Amino acid sequence: MPLEAGLLEILACPACHAPLREENAAGETPELVCESQSCALAYPVRDGIPVLLVDEARRPA
């Protein structure tokens, strides 16, 4: 289930404050990914709710 467009416009990465983009890979948990090249943390979306905690974020590979 995609997030509302208005919500994505106001959310920012808690670590670096860059904008976030939604990524939904088939068969994987949806994520909000930081658009900053230096940060690029991926935050999970569980039951339609973004979990914007740095401790819960996945580091880029």
C-alpha atoms as a PDB file:
ATOM      1  CA  MET A   1       0.000   0.000   0.000  1.00  0.00           C
ATOM      2  CA  PRO A   2       1.672   3.272  -1.106  1.00  0.00           C
ATOM      3  CA  LEU A   3       1.944   6.205   1.269  1.00  0.00           C
ATOM      4  CA  GLU A   4      -0.044   9.346   0.622  1.00  0.00           C
ATOM      5  CA  ALA A   5       1.792  11.813  -1.635  1.00  0.00           C
ATOM      6  CA  GLY A   6       1.308  14.628   0.871  1.00  0.00           C
ATOM      7  CA  LEU A   7       2.951  12.575   3.595  1.00  0.00           C
ATOM      8  CA  LEU A   8       6.054  11.898   1.503  1.00  0.00           C
ATOM      9  CA  GLU A   9       6.423  15.628   0.834  1.00  0.00           C
ATOM     10  CA  ILE A  10       6.783  16.459   4.535  1.00  0.00           C
ATOM     11  CA  LEU A  11       8.869  13.474   5.695  1.00  0.00           C
ATOM     12  CA  ALA A  12      12.656  13.751   5.868  1.00  0.00           C
ATOM     13  CA  CYS A  13      15.497  11.462   6.870  1.00  0.00           C
ATOM     14  CA  PRO A  14      15.990  11.733  10.647  1.00  0.00           C
ATOM     15  CA  ALA A  15      19.760  11.282  10.243  1.00  0.00           C
ATOM     16  CA  CYS A  16      20.548  13.932   7.599  1.00  0.00           C
ATOM     17  CA  HIS A  17      17.201  15.678   6.894  1.00  0.00           C
ATOM     18  CA  ALA A  18      17.265  14.877   3.152  1.00  0.00           C
ATOM     19  CA  PRO A  19      14.037  13.958   1.308  1.00  0.00           C
ATOM     20  CA  LEU A  20      12.849  10.345   1.274  1.00  0.00           C
ATOM     21  CA  ARG A  21      11.575   8.271  -1.651  1.00  0.00           C
ATOM     22  CA  GLU A  22       9.361   5.213  -1.448  1.00  0.00           C
ATOM     23  CA  GLU A  23      10.652   1.888  -2.767  1.00  0.00           C
ATOM     24  CA  ASN A  24       8.529  -1.249  -3.031  1.00  0.00           C
ATOM     25  CA  ALA A  25      10.564  -4.224  -4.237  1.00  0.00           C
ATOM     26  CA  ALA A  26       8.454  -7.270  -5.044  1.00  0.00           C
ATOM     27  CA  GLY A  27       8.314  -9.668  -2.110  1.00  0.00           C
ATOM     28  CA  GLU A  28      10.190  -7.333   0.230  1.00  0.00           C
ATOM     29  CA  THR A  29       9.146  -4.943   2.976  1.00  0.00           C
ATOM     30  CA  PRO A  30       8.378  -1.465   1.568  1.00  0.00           C
ATOM     31  CA  GLU A  31      10.980   1.130   2.508  1.00  0.00           C
ATOM     32  CA  LEU A  32      11.550   4.859   2.549  1.00  0.00           C
ATOM     33  CA  VAL A  33      15.057   5.503   1.239  1.00  0.00           C
ATOM     34  CA  CYS A  34      17.057   8.643   1.922  1.00  0.00           C
ATOM     35  CA  GLU A  35      17.919  10.475  -1.308  1.00  0.00           C
ATOM     36  CA  SER A  36      21.262  11.717   0.042  1.00  0.00           C
ATOM     37  CA  GLN A  37      24.164   9.811  -1.542  1.00  0.00           C
ATOM     38  CA  SER A  38      26.226  10.080   1.633  1.00  0.00           C
ATOM     39  CA  CYS A  39      23.462   8.716   3.886  1.00  0.00           C
ATOM     40  CA  ALA A  40      21.099   6.515   1.809  1.00  0.00           C
ATOM     41  CA  LEU A  41      19.539   4.841   4.874  1.00  0.00           C
ATOM     42  CA  ALA A  42      16.445   2.724   4.164  1.00  0.00           C
ATOM     43  CA  TYR A  43      13.641   2.931   6.735  1.00  0.00           C
ATOM     44  CA  PRO A  44      11.030   0.132   6.876  1.00  0.00           C
ATOM     45  CA  VAL A  45       7.307   0.713   6.419  1.00  0.00           C
ATOM     46  CA  ARG A  46       5.327  -1.664   8.627  1.00  0.00           C
ATOM     47  CA  ASP A  47       1.562  -1.963   8.230  1.00  0.00           C
ATOM     48  CA  GLY A  48       1.554   1.307   6.260  1.00  0.00           C
ATOM     49  CA  ILE A  49       3.434   3.199   8.999  1.00  0.00           C
ATOM     50  CA  PRO A  50       6.977   4.492   8.336  1.00  0.00           C
ATOM     51  CA  VAL A  51       9.421   3.542  11.106  1.00  0.00           C
ATOM     52  CA  LEU A  52      11.759   6.543  11.045  1.00  0.00           C
ATOM     53  CA  LEU A  53      14.212   5.379  13.677  1.00  0.00           C
ATOM     54  CA  VAL A  54      17.900   5.383  12.748  1.00  0.00           C
ATOM     55  CA  ASP A  55      18.382   2.206  14.816  1.00  0.00           C
ATOM     56  CA  GLU A  56      15.757   0.427  12.657  1.00  0.00           C
ATOM     57  CA  ALA A  57      17.171   1.656   9.324  1.00  0.00           C
ATOM     58  CA  ARG A  58      19.046  -0.573   6.911  1.00  0.00           C
ATOM     59  CA  ARG A  59      22.474   0.642   5.792  1.00  0.00           C
ATOM     60  CA  PRO A  60      23.128   0.630   2.040  1.00  0.00           C
ATOM     61  CA  ALA A  61      24.997  -2.382   0.686  1.00  0.00           C
END
